[in-house]
Amino acid sequence: MFIQKGFIVIKLNSMSEEQILDLSLDSGADNINFLEGEAEIDCTAQNLEKVTSYFSQKGFEILTSSVISVATEENQIELNEEDMITFNTIIEELDDHDDVQQVIHNVKNMN
C-alpha cells in the first residue's frame, strides 16, 4: 500500500540549518533532510501548497514541489545485494524508457 505525501526541494540560502528547521516547523512540514545546497521537505499532501508557499514567501527558490506516493512501512521490503543490483538495473531501464513517467516501488534500502 502507498500513501500520498507532499515532497518539496528548496535551494538553501544563507540561513543556518537550525533557522530553516524552525521555519519548517512553523510551515507545517513533517520532516526536513539537508543535502549539499538543498533541503528536502516532507509534508502531508494536503499541506503541500501551504508549505511550498510558506518557503517561497520566505525567499527560498523552490526546485521541486509535488505529491508523491510512498510505500507504508509495513509494505516496504529489503533486498539483498544481488537482488538490489538486479532491481537497480530494472529501474534504470524503466527510467530510460520514453513512455515511463515515474517509477514507484516499495524497496526500503534503495540508494
PDB file of N, CA and C in Angstrom:
ATOM      1  N   MET A   1       0.841  -1.176   0.000  1.00  0.00           N
ATOM      2  CA  MET A   1       0.000   0.000   0.000  1.00  0.00           C
ATOM      3  C   MET A   1       0.891   1.246   0.000  1.00  0.00           C
ATOM      4  N   PHE A   2       0.430   2.256  -0.687  1.00  0.00           N
ATOM      5  CA  PHE A   2       1.153   3.508  -0.791  1.00  0.00           C
ATOM      6  C   PHE A   2       0.294   4.635  -0.232  1.00  0.00           C
ATOM      7  N   ILE A   3       0.957   5.643   0.291  1.00  0.00           N
ATOM      8  CA  ILE A   3       0.268   6.843   0.762  1.00  0.00           C
ATOM      9  C   ILE A   3       0.779   8.028  -0.044  1.00  0.00           C
ATOM     10  N   GLN A   4      -0.024   9.058  -0.124  1.00  0.00           N
ATOM     11  CA  GLN A   4       0.343  10.280  -0.830  1.00  0.00           C
ATOM     12  C   GLN A   4       0.990  11.246   0.162  1.00  0.00           C
ATOM     13  N   LYS A   5       2.142  11.804  -0.229  1.00  0.00           N
ATOM     14  CA  LYS A   5       2.848  12.774   0.613  1.00  0.00           C
ATOM     15  C   LYS A   5       3.270  13.952  -0.243  1.00  0.00           C
ATOM     16  N   GLY A   6       3.412  15.099   0.391  1.00  0.00           N
ATOM     17  CA  GLY A   6       3.981  16.253  -0.283  1.00  0.00           C
ATOM     18  C   GLY A   6       5.495  16.181  -0.216  1.00  0.00           C
ATOM     19  N   PHE A   7       6.164  16.533  -1.308  1.00  0.00           N
ATOM     20  CA  PHE A   7       7.621  16.493  -1.379  1.00  0.00           C
ATOM     21  C   PHE A   7       8.096  17.786  -2.024  1.00  0.00           C
ATOM     22  N   ILE A   8       8.943  18.513  -1.301  1.00  0.00           N
ATOM     23  CA  ILE A   8       9.434  19.818  -1.750  1.00  0.00           C
ATOM     24  C   ILE A   8      10.949  19.821  -1.644  1.00  0.00           C
ATOM     25  N   VAL A   9      11.606  20.370  -2.642  1.00  0.00           N
ATOM     26  CA  VAL A   9      13.052  20.576  -2.575  1.00  0.00           C
ATOM     27  C   VAL A   9      13.292  22.072  -2.735  1.00  0.00           C
ATOM     28  N   ILE A  10      14.029  22.643  -1.777  1.00  0.00           N
ATOM     29  CA  ILE A  10      14.365  24.067  -1.836  1.00  0.00           C
ATOM     30  C   ILE A  10      15.870  24.228  -1.975  1.00  0.00           C
ATOM     31  N   LYS A  11      16.260  25.325  -2.581  1.00  0.00           N
ATOM     32  CA  LYS A  11      17.670  25.680  -2.657  1.00  0.00           C
ATOM     33  C   LYS A  11      18.011  26.426  -1.372  1.00  0.00           C
ATOM     34  N   LEU A  12      19.074  26.001  -0.700  1.00  0.00           N
ATOM     35  CA  LEU A  12      19.455  26.645   0.557  1.00  0.00           C
ATOM     36  C   LEU A  12      20.008  28.035   0.299  1.00  0.00           C
ATOM     37  N   ASN A  13      19.798  28.904   1.267  1.00  0.00           N
ATOM     38  CA  ASN A  13      20.337  30.257   1.196  1.00  0.00           C
ATOM     39  C   ASN A  13      21.291  30.457   2.372  1.00  0.00           C
ATOM     40  N   SER A  14      21.464  31.677   2.793  1.00  0.00           N
ATOM     41  CA  SER A  14      22.436  31.970   3.852  1.00  0.00           C
ATOM     42  C   SER A  14      21.940  31.623   5.264  1.00  0.00           C
ATOM     43  N   MET A  15      20.700  31.213   5.407  1.00  0.00           N
ATOM     44  CA  MET A  15      20.182  30.847   6.732  1.00  0.00           C
ATOM     45  C   MET A  15      20.854  29.569   7.225  1.00  0.00           C
ATOM     46  N   SER A  16      20.969  29.449   8.530  1.00  0.00           N
ATOM     47  CA  SER A  16      21.535  28.236   9.125  1.00  0.00           C
ATOM     48  C   SER A  16      20.514  27.100   9.044  1.00  0.00           C
ATOM     49  N   GLU A  17      21.008  25.868   9.164  1.00  0.00           N
ATOM     50  CA  GLU A  17      20.102  24.715   9.162  1.00  0.00           C
ATOM     51  C   GLU A  17      19.112  24.810  10.312  1.00  0.00           C
ATOM     52  N   GLU A  18      19.563  25.315  11.458  1.00  0.00           N
ATOM     53  CA  GLU A  18      18.676  25.452  12.611  1.00  0.00           C
ATOM     54  C   GLU A  18      17.539  26.438  12.319  1.00  0.00           C
ATOM     55  N   GLN A  19      17.857  27.552  11.656  1.00  0.00           N
ATOM     56  CA  GLN A  19      16.823  28.524  11.303  1.00  0.00           C
ATOM     57  C   GLN A  19      15.819  27.922  10.312  1.00  0.00           C
ATOM     58  N   ILE A  20      16.338  27.174   9.343  1.00  0.00           N
ATOM     59  CA  ILE A  20      15.465  26.556   8.346  1.00  0.00           C
ATOM     60  C   ILE A  20      14.612  25.474   8.998  1.00  0.00           C
ATOM     61  N   LEU A  21      15.172  24.740   9.940  1.00  0.00           N
ATOM     62  CA  LEU A  21      14.412  23.735  10.676  1.00  0.00           C
ATOM     63  C   LEU A  21      13.258  24.395  11.425  1.00  0.00           C
ATOM     64  N   ASP A  22      13.530  25.534  12.069  1.00  0.00           N
ATOM     65  CA  ASP A  22      12.468  26.266  12.759  1.00  0.00           C
ATOM     66  C   ASP A  22      11.374  26.704  11.776  1.00  0.00           C
ATOM     67  N   LEU A  23      11.785  27.178  10.588  1.00  0.00           N
ATOM     68  CA  LEU A  23      10.814  27.575   9.573  1.00  0.00           C
ATOM     69  C   LEU A  23       9.965  26.383   9.125  1.00  0.00           C
ATOM     70  N   SER A  24      10.622  25.219   9.000  1.00  0.00           N
ATOM     71  CA  SER A  24       9.869  24.044   8.555  1.00  0.00           C
ATOM     72  C   SER A  24       8.802  23.659   9.580  1.00  0.00           C
ATOM     73  N   LEU A  25       9.123  23.800  10.857  1.00  0.00           N
ATOM     74  CA  LEU A  25       8.137  23.511  11.900  1.00  0.00           C
ATOM     75  C   LEU A  25       6.980  24.503  11.829  1.00  0.00           C
ATOM     76  N   ASP A  26       7.302  25.772  11.609  1.00  0.00           N
ATOM     77  CA  ASP A  26       6.270  26.808  11.508  1.00  0.00           C
ATOM     78  C   ASP A  26       5.397  26.620  10.265  1.00  0.00           C
ATOM     79  N   SER A  27       5.968  26.043   9.207  1.00  0.00           N
ATOM     80  CA  SER A  27       5.254  25.922   7.934  1.00  0.00           C
ATOM     81  C   SER A  27       4.237  24.796   7.915  1.00  0.00           C
ATOM     82  N   GLY A  28       4.377  23.834   8.820  1.00  0.00           N
ATOM     83  CA  GLY A  28       3.507  22.666   8.816  1.00  0.00           C
ATOM     84  C   GLY A  28       4.146  21.448   8.184  1.00  0.00           C
ATOM     85  N   ALA A  29       5.454  21.521   7.923  1.00  0.00           N
ATOM     86  CA  ALA A  29       6.172  20.382   7.345  1.00  0.00           C
ATOM     87  C   ALA A  29       6.317  19.274   8.385  1.00  0.00           C
ATOM     88  N   ASP A  30       6.452  18.043   7.900  1.00  0.00           N
ATOM     89  CA  ASP A  30       6.625  16.899   8.792  1.00  0.00           C
ATOM     90  C   ASP A  30       8.088  16.575   9.046  1.00  0.00           C
ATOM     91  N   ASN A  31       8.932  16.782   8.042  1.00  0.00           N
ATOM     92  CA  ASN A  31      10.333  16.381   8.143  1.00  0.00           C
ATOM     93  C   ASN A  31      11.156  17.196   7.153  1.00  0.00           C
ATOM     94  N   ILE A  32      12.440  17.369   7.463  1.00  0.00           N
ATOM     95  CA  ILE A  32      13.344  18.049   6.544  1.00  0.00           C
ATOM     96  C   ILE A  32      14.675  17.316   6.558  1.00  0.00           C
ATOM     97  N   ASN A  33      15.254  17.171   5.376  1.00  0.00           N
ATOM     98  CA  ASN A  33      16.527  16.482   5.214  1.00  0.00           C
ATOM     99  C   ASN A  33      17.462  17.413   4.451  1.00  0.00           C
ATOM    100  N   PHE A  34      18.589  17.758   5.057  1.00  0.00           N
ATOM    101  CA  PHE A  34      19.528  18.677   4.438  1.00  0.00           C
ATOM    102  C   PHE A  34      20.525  17.931   3.568  1.00  0.00           C
ATOM    103  N   LEU A  35      20.690  18.411   2.349  1.00  0.00           N
ATOM    104  CA  LEU A  35      21.653  17.878   1.404  1.00  0.00           C
ATOM    105  C   LEU A  35      22.632  18.993   1.056  1.00  0.00           C
ATOM    106  N   GLU A  36      23.549  18.737   0.167  1.00  0.00           N
ATOM    107  CA  GLU A  36      24.509  19.768  -0.233  1.00  0.00           C
ATOM    108  C   GLU A  36      23.814  20.819  -1.100  1.00  0.00           C
ATOM    109  N   GLY A  37      23.585  21.985  -0.520  1.00  0.00           N
ATOM    110  CA  GLY A  37      22.982  23.095  -1.249  1.00  0.00           C
ATOM    111  C   GLY A  37      21.469  23.047  -1.375  1.00  0.00           C
ATOM    112  N   GLU A  38      20.849  21.980  -0.863  1.00  0.00           N
ATOM    113  CA  GLU A  38      19.407  21.815  -0.971  1.00  0.00           C
ATOM    114  C   GLU A  38      18.843  21.218   0.315  1.00  0.00           C
ATOM    115  N   ALA A  39      17.539  21.299   0.437  1.00  0.00           N
ATOM    116  CA  ALA A  39      16.849  20.628   1.537  1.00  0.00           C
ATOM    117  C   ALA A  39      15.599  19.983   0.977  1.00  0.00           C
ATOM    118  N   GLU A  40      15.345  18.735   1.395  1.00  0.00           N
ATOM    119  CA  GLU A  40      14.141  18.015   1.022  1.00  0.00           C
ATOM    120  C   GLU A  40      13.158  18.123   2.179  1.00  0.00           C
ATOM    121  N   ILE A  41      11.950  18.522   1.869  1.00  0.00           N
ATOM    122  CA  ILE A  41      10.929  18.735   2.890  1.00  0.00           C
ATOM    123  C   ILE A  41       9.754  17.809   2.606  1.00  0.00           C
ATOM    124  N   ASP A  42       9.331  17.059   3.627  1.00  0.00           N
ATOM    125  CA  ASP A  42       8.157  16.192   3.531  1.00  0.00           C
ATOM    126  C   ASP A  42       7.008  16.839   4.289  1.00  0.00           C
ATOM    127  N   CYS A  43       5.814  16.655   3.750  1.00  0.00           N
ATOM    128  CA  CYS A  43       4.611  17.137   4.421  1.00  0.00           C
ATOM    129  C   CYS A  43       3.444  16.282   3.948  1.00  0.00           C
ATOM    130  N   THR A  44       2.288  16.501   4.531  1.00  0.00           N
ATOM    131  CA  THR A  44       1.106  15.793   4.035  1.00  0.00           C
ATOM    132  C   THR A  44       0.756  16.356   2.659  1.00  0.00           C
ATOM    133  N   ALA A  45       0.077  15.547   1.858  1.00  0.00           N
ATOM    134  CA  ALA A  45      -0.341  16.012   0.537  1.00  0.00           C
ATOM    135  C   ALA A  45      -1.255  17.234   0.665  1.00  0.00           C
ATOM    136  N   GLN A  46      -2.051  17.263   1.733  1.00  0.00           N
ATOM    137  CA  GLN A  46      -2.968  18.388   1.951  1.00  0.00           C
ATOM    138  C   GLN A  46      -2.222  19.685   2.269  1.00  0.00           C
ATOM    139  N   ASN A  47      -1.028  19.581   2.857  1.00  0.00           N
ATOM    140  CA  ASN A  47      -0.255  20.772   3.233  1.00  0.00           C
ATOM    141  C   ASN A  47       0.754  21.204   2.173  1.00  0.00           C
ATOM    142  N   LEU A  48       0.827  20.496   1.053  1.00  0.00           N
ATOM    143  CA  LEU A  48       1.864  20.787   0.056  1.00  0.00           C
ATOM    144  C   LEU A  48       1.840  22.240  -0.402  1.00  0.00           C
ATOM    145  N   GLU A  49       0.693  22.714  -0.796  1.00  0.00           N
ATOM    146  CA  GLU A  49       0.597  24.090  -1.294  1.00  0.00           C
ATOM    147  C   GLU A  49       0.953  25.102  -0.204  1.00  0.00           C
ATOM    148  N   LYS A  50       0.477  24.865   1.010  1.00  0.00           N
ATOM    149  CA  LYS A  50       0.750  25.762   2.137  1.00  0.00           C
ATOM    150  C   LYS A  50       2.243  25.828   2.450  1.00  0.00           C
ATOM    151  N   VAL A  51       2.906  24.666   2.526  1.00  0.00           N
ATOM    152  CA  VAL A  51       4.335  24.616   2.866  1.00  0.00           C
ATOM    153  C   VAL A  51       5.166  25.218   1.732  1.00  0.00           C
ATOM    154  N   THR A  52       4.812  24.889   0.496  1.00  0.00           N
ATOM    155  CA  THR A  52       5.531  25.444  -0.663  1.00  0.00           C
ATOM    156  C   THR A  52       5.424  26.963  -0.672  1.00  0.00           C
ATOM    157  N   SER A  53       4.236  27.467  -0.474  1.00  0.00           N
ATOM    158  CA  SER A  53       4.004  28.913  -0.458  1.00  0.00           C
ATOM    159  C   SER A  53       4.774  29.580   0.680  1.00  0.00           C
ATOM    160  N   TYR A  54       4.790  28.936   1.835  1.00  0.00           N
ATOM    161  CA  TYR A  54       5.487  29.479   3.003  1.00  0.00           C
ATOM    162  C   TYR A  54       6.974  29.690   2.698  1.00  0.00           C
ATOM    163  N   PHE A  55       7.625  28.661   2.156  1.00  0.00           N
ATOM    164  CA  PHE A  55       9.057  28.777   1.857  1.00  0.00           C
ATOM    165  C   PHE A  55       9.324  29.743   0.707  1.00  0.00           C
ATOM    166  N   SER A  56       8.428  29.797  -0.251  1.00  0.00           N
ATOM    167  CA  SER A  56       8.569  30.746  -1.348  1.00  0.00           C
ATOM    168  C   SER A  56       8.488  32.181  -0.832  1.00  0.00           C
ATOM    169  N   GLN A  57       7.539  32.432   0.071  1.00  0.00           N
ATOM    170  CA  GLN A  57       7.388  33.770   0.650  1.00  0.00           C
ATOM    171  C   GLN A  57       8.576  34.156   1.522  1.00  0.00           C
ATOM    172  N   LYS A  58       9.279  33.159   2.058  1.00  0.00           N
ATOM    173  CA  LYS A  58      10.473  33.424   2.870  1.00  0.00           C
ATOM    174  C   LYS A  58      11.712  33.615   1.999  1.00  0.00           C
ATOM    175  N   GLY A  59      11.544  33.573   0.665  1.00  0.00           N
ATOM    176  CA  GLY A  59      12.631  33.872  -0.247  1.00  0.00           C
ATOM    177  C   GLY A  59      13.418  32.678  -0.761  1.00  0.00           C
ATOM    178  N   PHE A  60      12.926  31.463  -0.509  1.00  0.00           N
ATOM    179  CA  PHE A  60      13.621  30.272  -0.984  1.00  0.00           C
ATOM    180  C   PHE A  60      13.197  29.944  -2.410  1.00  0.00           C
ATOM    181  N   GLU A  61      14.163  29.496  -3.202  1.00  0.00           N
ATOM    182  CA  GLU A  61      13.854  29.019  -4.539  1.00  0.00           C
ATOM    183  C   GLU A  61      13.316  27.594  -4.417  1.00  0.00           C
ATOM    184  N   ILE A  62      12.128  27.363  -4.969  1.00  0.00           N
ATOM    185  CA  ILE A  62      11.504  26.045  -4.938  1.00  0.00           C
ATOM    186  C   ILE A  62      11.986  25.275  -6.167  1.00  0.00           C
ATOM    187  N   LEU A  63      12.726  24.193  -5.937  1.00  0.00           N
ATOM    188  CA  LEU A  63      13.243  23.388  -7.039  1.00  0.00           C
ATOM    189  C   LEU A  63      12.257  22.306  -7.460  1.00  0.00           C
ATOM    190  N   THR A  64      11.516  21.772  -6.503  1.00  0.00           N
ATOM    191  CA  THR A  64      10.511  20.737  -6.756  1.00  0.00           C
ATOM    192  C   THR A  64       9.391  20.889  -5.739  1.00  0.00           C
ATOM    193  N   SER A  65       8.170  20.679  -6.202  1.00  0.00           N
ATOM    194  CA  SER A  65       7.023  20.660  -5.307  1.00  0.00           C
ATOM    195  C   SER A  65       5.975  19.752  -5.941  1.00  0.00           C
ATOM    196  N   SER A  66       5.773  18.571  -5.340  1.00  0.00           N
ATOM    197  CA  SER A  66       4.828  17.634  -5.931  1.00  0.00           C
ATOM    198  C   SER A  66       4.309  16.654  -4.887  1.00  0.00           C
ATOM    199  N   VAL A  67       3.228  15.995  -5.250  1.00  0.00           N
ATOM    200  CA  VAL A  67       2.682  14.904  -4.440  1.00  0.00           C
ATOM    201  C   VAL A  67       3.323  13.620  -4.947  1.00  0.00           C
ATOM    202  N   ILE A  68       3.853  12.823  -4.022  1.00  0.00           N
ATOM    203  CA  ILE A  68       4.493  11.561  -4.382  1.00  0.00           C
ATOM    204  C   ILE A  68       3.812  10.413  -3.639  1.00  0.00           C
ATOM    205  N   SER A  69       4.000   9.210  -4.152  1.00  0.00           N
ATOM    206  CA  SER A  69       3.493   8.007  -3.490  1.00  0.00           C
ATOM    207  C   SER A  69       4.644   7.339  -2.756  1.00  0.00           C
ATOM    208  N   VAL A  70       4.411   7.007  -1.484  1.00  0.00           N
ATOM    209  CA  VAL A  70       5.436   6.392  -0.641  1.00  0.00           C
ATOM    210  C   VAL A  70       4.854   5.116  -0.040  1.00  0.00           C
ATOM    211  N   ALA A  71       5.625   4.038  -0.088  1.00  0.00           N
ATOM    212  CA  ALA A  71       5.169   2.775   0.491  1.00  0.00           C
ATOM    213  C   ALA A  71       5.058   2.913   2.006  1.00  0.00           C
ATOM    214  N   THR A  72       3.992   2.370   2.561  1.00  0.00           N
ATOM    215  CA  THR A  72       3.860   2.372   4.012  1.00  0.00           C
ATOM    216  C   THR A  72       4.926   1.453   4.605  1.00  0.00           C
ATOM    217  N   GLU A  73       5.292   1.689   5.834  1.00  0.00           N
ATOM    218  CA  GLU A  73       6.371   0.956   6.497  1.00  0.00           C
ATOM    219  C   GLU A  73       6.157  -0.556   6.447  1.00  0.00           C
ATOM    220  N   GLU A  74       4.941  -0.999   6.705  1.00  0.00           N
ATOM    221  CA  GLU A  74       4.690  -2.438   6.729  1.00  0.00           C
ATOM    222  C   GLU A  74       4.747  -3.088   5.347  1.00  0.00           C
ATOM    223  N   ASN A  75       4.717  -2.297   4.292  1.00  0.00           N
ATOM    224  CA  ASN A  75       4.782  -2.835   2.936  1.00  0.00           C
ATOM    225  C   ASN A  75       6.141  -2.661   2.272  1.00  0.00           C
ATOM    226  N   GLN A  76       7.101  -2.109   2.988  1.00  0.00           N
ATOM    227  CA  GLN A  76       8.437  -1.948   2.419  1.00  0.00           C
ATOM    228  C   GLN A  76       9.208  -3.267   2.529  1.00  0.00           C
ATOM    229  N   ILE A  77      10.012  -3.529   1.523  1.00  0.00           N
ATOM    230  CA  ILE A  77      10.825  -4.746   1.521  1.00  0.00           C
ATOM    231  C   ILE A  77      12.302  -4.376   1.427  1.00  0.00           C
ATOM    232  N   GLU A  78      13.142  -5.242   1.940  1.00  0.00           N
ATOM    233  CA  GLU A  78      14.588  -5.069   1.828  1.00  0.00           C
ATOM    234  C   GLU A  78      15.121  -6.135   0.884  1.00  0.00           C
ATOM    235  N   LEU A  79      16.085  -5.749   0.072  1.00  0.00           N
ATOM    236  CA  LEU A  79      16.685  -6.671  -0.877  1.00  0.00           C
ATOM    237  C   LEU A  79      18.125  -6.958  -0.493  1.00  0.00           C
ATOM    238  N   ASN A  80      18.568  -8.181  -0.785  1.00  0.00           N
ATOM    239  CA  ASN A  80      19.982  -8.477  -0.571  1.00  0.00           C
ATOM    240  C   ASN A  80      20.791  -7.814  -1.690  1.00  0.00           C
ATOM    241  N   GLU A  81      22.096  -7.859  -1.582  1.00  0.00           N
ATOM    242  CA  GLU A  81      22.969  -7.141  -2.517  1.00  0.00           C
ATOM    243  C   GLU A  81      22.758  -7.587  -3.967  1.00  0.00           C
ATOM    244  N   GLU A  82      22.641  -8.888  -4.176  1.00  0.00           N
ATOM    245  CA  GLU A  82      22.460  -9.418  -5.543  1.00  0.00           C
ATOM    246  C   GLU A  82      21.132  -8.962  -6.144  1.00  0.00           C
ATOM    247  N   ASP A  83      20.065  -9.058  -5.350  1.00  0.00           N
ATOM    248  CA  ASP A  83      18.752  -8.620  -5.833  1.00  0.00           C
ATOM    249  C   ASP A  83      18.708  -7.110  -6.049  1.00  0.00           C
ATOM    250  N   MET A  84      19.445  -6.363  -5.223  1.00  0.00           N
ATOM    251  CA  MET A  84      19.480  -4.906  -5.370  1.00  0.00           C
ATOM    252  C   MET A  84      20.136  -4.516  -6.699  1.00  0.00           C
ATOM    253  N   ILE A  85      21.166  -5.238  -7.108  1.00  0.00           N
ATOM    254  CA  ILE A  85      21.814  -4.964  -8.397  1.00  0.00           C
ATOM    255  C   ILE A  85      20.817  -5.179  -9.530  1.00  0.00           C
ATOM    256  N   THR A  86      20.089  -6.273  -9.477  1.00  0.00           N
ATOM    257  CA  THR A  86      19.070  -6.559 -10.493  1.00  0.00           C
ATOM    258  C   THR A  86      17.982  -5.498 -10.481  1.00  0.00           C
ATOM    259  N   PHE A  87      17.534  -5.139  -9.280  1.00  0.00           N
ATOM    260  CA  PHE A  87      16.489  -4.129  -9.138  1.00  0.00           C
ATOM    261  C   PHE A  87      16.943  -2.791  -9.719  1.00  0.00           C
ATOM    262  N   ASN A  88      18.160  -2.367  -9.404  1.00  0.00           N
ATOM    263  CA  ASN A  88      18.687  -1.101  -9.930  1.00  0.00           C
ATOM    264  C   ASN A  88      18.762  -1.114 -11.447  1.00  0.00           C
ATOM    265  N   THR A  89      19.129  -2.246 -12.020  1.00  0.00           N
ATOM    266  CA  THR A  89      19.186  -2.371 -13.482  1.00  0.00           C
ATOM    267  C   THR A  89      17.799  -2.180 -14.086  1.00  0.00           C
ATOM    268  N   ILE A  90      16.806  -2.802 -13.465  1.00  0.00           N
ATOM    269  CA  ILE A  90      15.430  -2.651 -13.955  1.00  0.00           C
ATOM    270  C   ILE A  90      14.971  -1.202 -13.840  1.00  0.00           C
ATOM    271  N   ILE A  91      15.244  -0.575 -12.716  1.00  0.00           N
ATOM    272  CA  ILE A  91      14.846   0.827 -12.512  1.00  0.00           C
ATOM    273  C   ILE A  91      15.507   1.726 -13.553  1.00  0.00           C
ATOM    274  N   GLU A  92      16.791   1.525 -13.822  1.00  0.00           N
ATOM    275  CA  GLU A  92      17.492   2.323 -14.830  1.00  0.00           C
ATOM    276  C   GLU A  92      16.876   2.135 -16.207  1.00  0.00           C
ATOM    277  N   GLU A  93      16.533   0.901 -16.546  1.00  0.00           N
ATOM    278  CA  GLU A  93      15.901   0.627 -17.841  1.00  0.00           C
ATOM    279  C   GLU A  93      14.545   1.331 -17.937  1.00  0.00           C
ATOM    280  N   LEU A  94      13.770   1.267 -16.871  1.00  0.00           N
ATOM    281  CA  LEU A  94      12.470   1.941 -16.869  1.00  0.00           C
ATOM    282  C   LEU A  94      12.630   3.456 -16.970  1.00  0.00           C
ATOM    283  N   ASP A  95      13.571   4.015 -16.218  1.00  0.00           N
ATOM    284  CA  ASP A  95      13.814   5.462 -16.254  1.00  0.00           C
ATOM    285  C   ASP A  95      14.222   5.934 -17.639  1.00  0.00           C
ATOM    286  N   ASP A  96      14.935   5.092 -18.379  1.00  0.00           N
ATOM    287  CA  ASP A  96      15.398   5.456 -19.723  1.00  0.00           C
ATOM    288  C   ASP A  96      14.321   5.300 -20.793  1.00  0.00           C
ATOM    289  N   HIS A  97      13.225   4.627 -20.466  1.00  0.00           N
ATOM    290  CA  HIS A  97      12.160   4.389 -21.445  1.00  0.00           C
ATOM    291  C   HIS A  97      11.316   5.646 -21.623  1.00  0.00           C
ATOM    292  N   ASP A  98      11.079   6.042 -22.865  1.00  0.00           N
ATOM    293  CA  ASP A  98      10.345   7.274 -23.162  1.00  0.00           C
ATOM    294  C   ASP A  98       8.905   7.273 -22.648  1.00  0.00           C
ATOM    295  N   ASP A  99       8.283   6.106 -22.577  1.00  0.00           N
ATOM    296  CA  ASP A  99       6.887   6.039 -22.167  1.00  0.00           C
ATOM    297  C   ASP A  99       6.692   5.996 -20.646  1.00  0.00           C
ATOM    298  N   VAL A 100       7.759   5.860 -19.895  1.00  0.00           N
ATOM    299  CA  VAL A 100       7.667   5.785 -18.436  1.00  0.00           C
ATOM    300  C   VAL A 100       7.885   7.181 -17.854  1.00  0.00           C
ATOM    301  N   GLN A 101       6.903   7.645 -17.094  1.00  0.00           N
ATOM    302  CA  GLN A 101       6.997   8.964 -16.482  1.00  0.00           C
ATOM    303  C   GLN A 101       7.502   8.908 -15.051  1.00  0.00           C
ATOM    304  N   GLN A 102       7.168   7.841 -14.340  1.00  0.00           N
ATOM    305  CA  GLN A 102       7.537   7.739 -12.934  1.00  0.00           C
ATOM    306  C   GLN A 102       7.541   6.274 -12.523  1.00  0.00           C
ATOM    307  N   VAL A 103       8.498   5.905 -11.675  1.00  0.00           N
ATOM    308  CA  VAL A 103       8.571   4.542 -11.145  1.00  0.00           C
ATOM    309  C   VAL A 103       8.357   4.625  -9.639  1.00  0.00           C
ATOM    310  N   ILE A 104       7.366   3.887  -9.168  1.00  0.00           N
ATOM    311  CA  ILE A 104       7.064   3.849  -7.737  1.00  0.00           C
ATOM    312  C   ILE A 104       7.365   2.433  -7.259  1.00  0.00           C
ATOM    313  N   HIS A 105       8.085   2.313  -6.153  1.00  0.00           N
ATOM    314  CA  HIS A 105       8.440   0.999  -5.646  1.00  0.00           C
ATOM    315  C   HIS A 105       8.355   0.968  -4.122  1.00  0.00           C
ATOM    316  N   ASN A 106       8.511  -0.212  -3.562  1.00  0.00           N
ATOM    317  CA  ASN A 106       8.439  -0.348  -2.113  1.00  0.00           C
ATOM    318  C   ASN A 106       9.727  -0.930  -1.532  1.00  0.00           C
ATOM    319  N   VAL A 107      10.851  -0.670  -2.196  1.00  0.00           N
ATOM    320  CA  VAL A 107      12.148  -1.162  -1.709  1.00  0.00           C
ATOM    321  C   VAL A 107      12.677  -0.196  -0.662  1.00  0.00           C
ATOM    322  N   LYS A 108      12.924  -0.717   0.519  1.00  0.00           N
ATOM    323  CA  LYS A 108      13.341   0.106   1.663  1.00  0.00           C
ATOM    324  C   LYS A 108      14.771   0.597   1.555  1.00  0.00           C
ATOM    325  N   ASN A 109      15.685  -0.275   1.159  1.00  0.00           N
ATOM    326  CA  ASN A 109      17.095   0.095   1.174  1.00  0.00           C
ATOM    327  C   ASN A 109      17.583   0.595  -0.182  1.00  0.00           C
ATOM    328  N   MET A 110      16.723   1.297  -0.911  1.00  0.00           N
ATOM    329  CA  MET A 110      17.088   1.847  -2.220  1.00  0.00           C
ATOM    330  C   MET A 110      18.030   3.023  -2.024  1.00  0.00           C
ATOM    331  N   ASN A 111      19.142   3.029  -2.743  1.00  0.00           N
ATOM    332  CA  ASN A 111      20.123   4.132  -2.641  1.00  0.00           C
ATOM    333  C   ASN A 111      20.050   5.009  -3.854  1.00  0.00           C
TER     334      ASN A 111
END
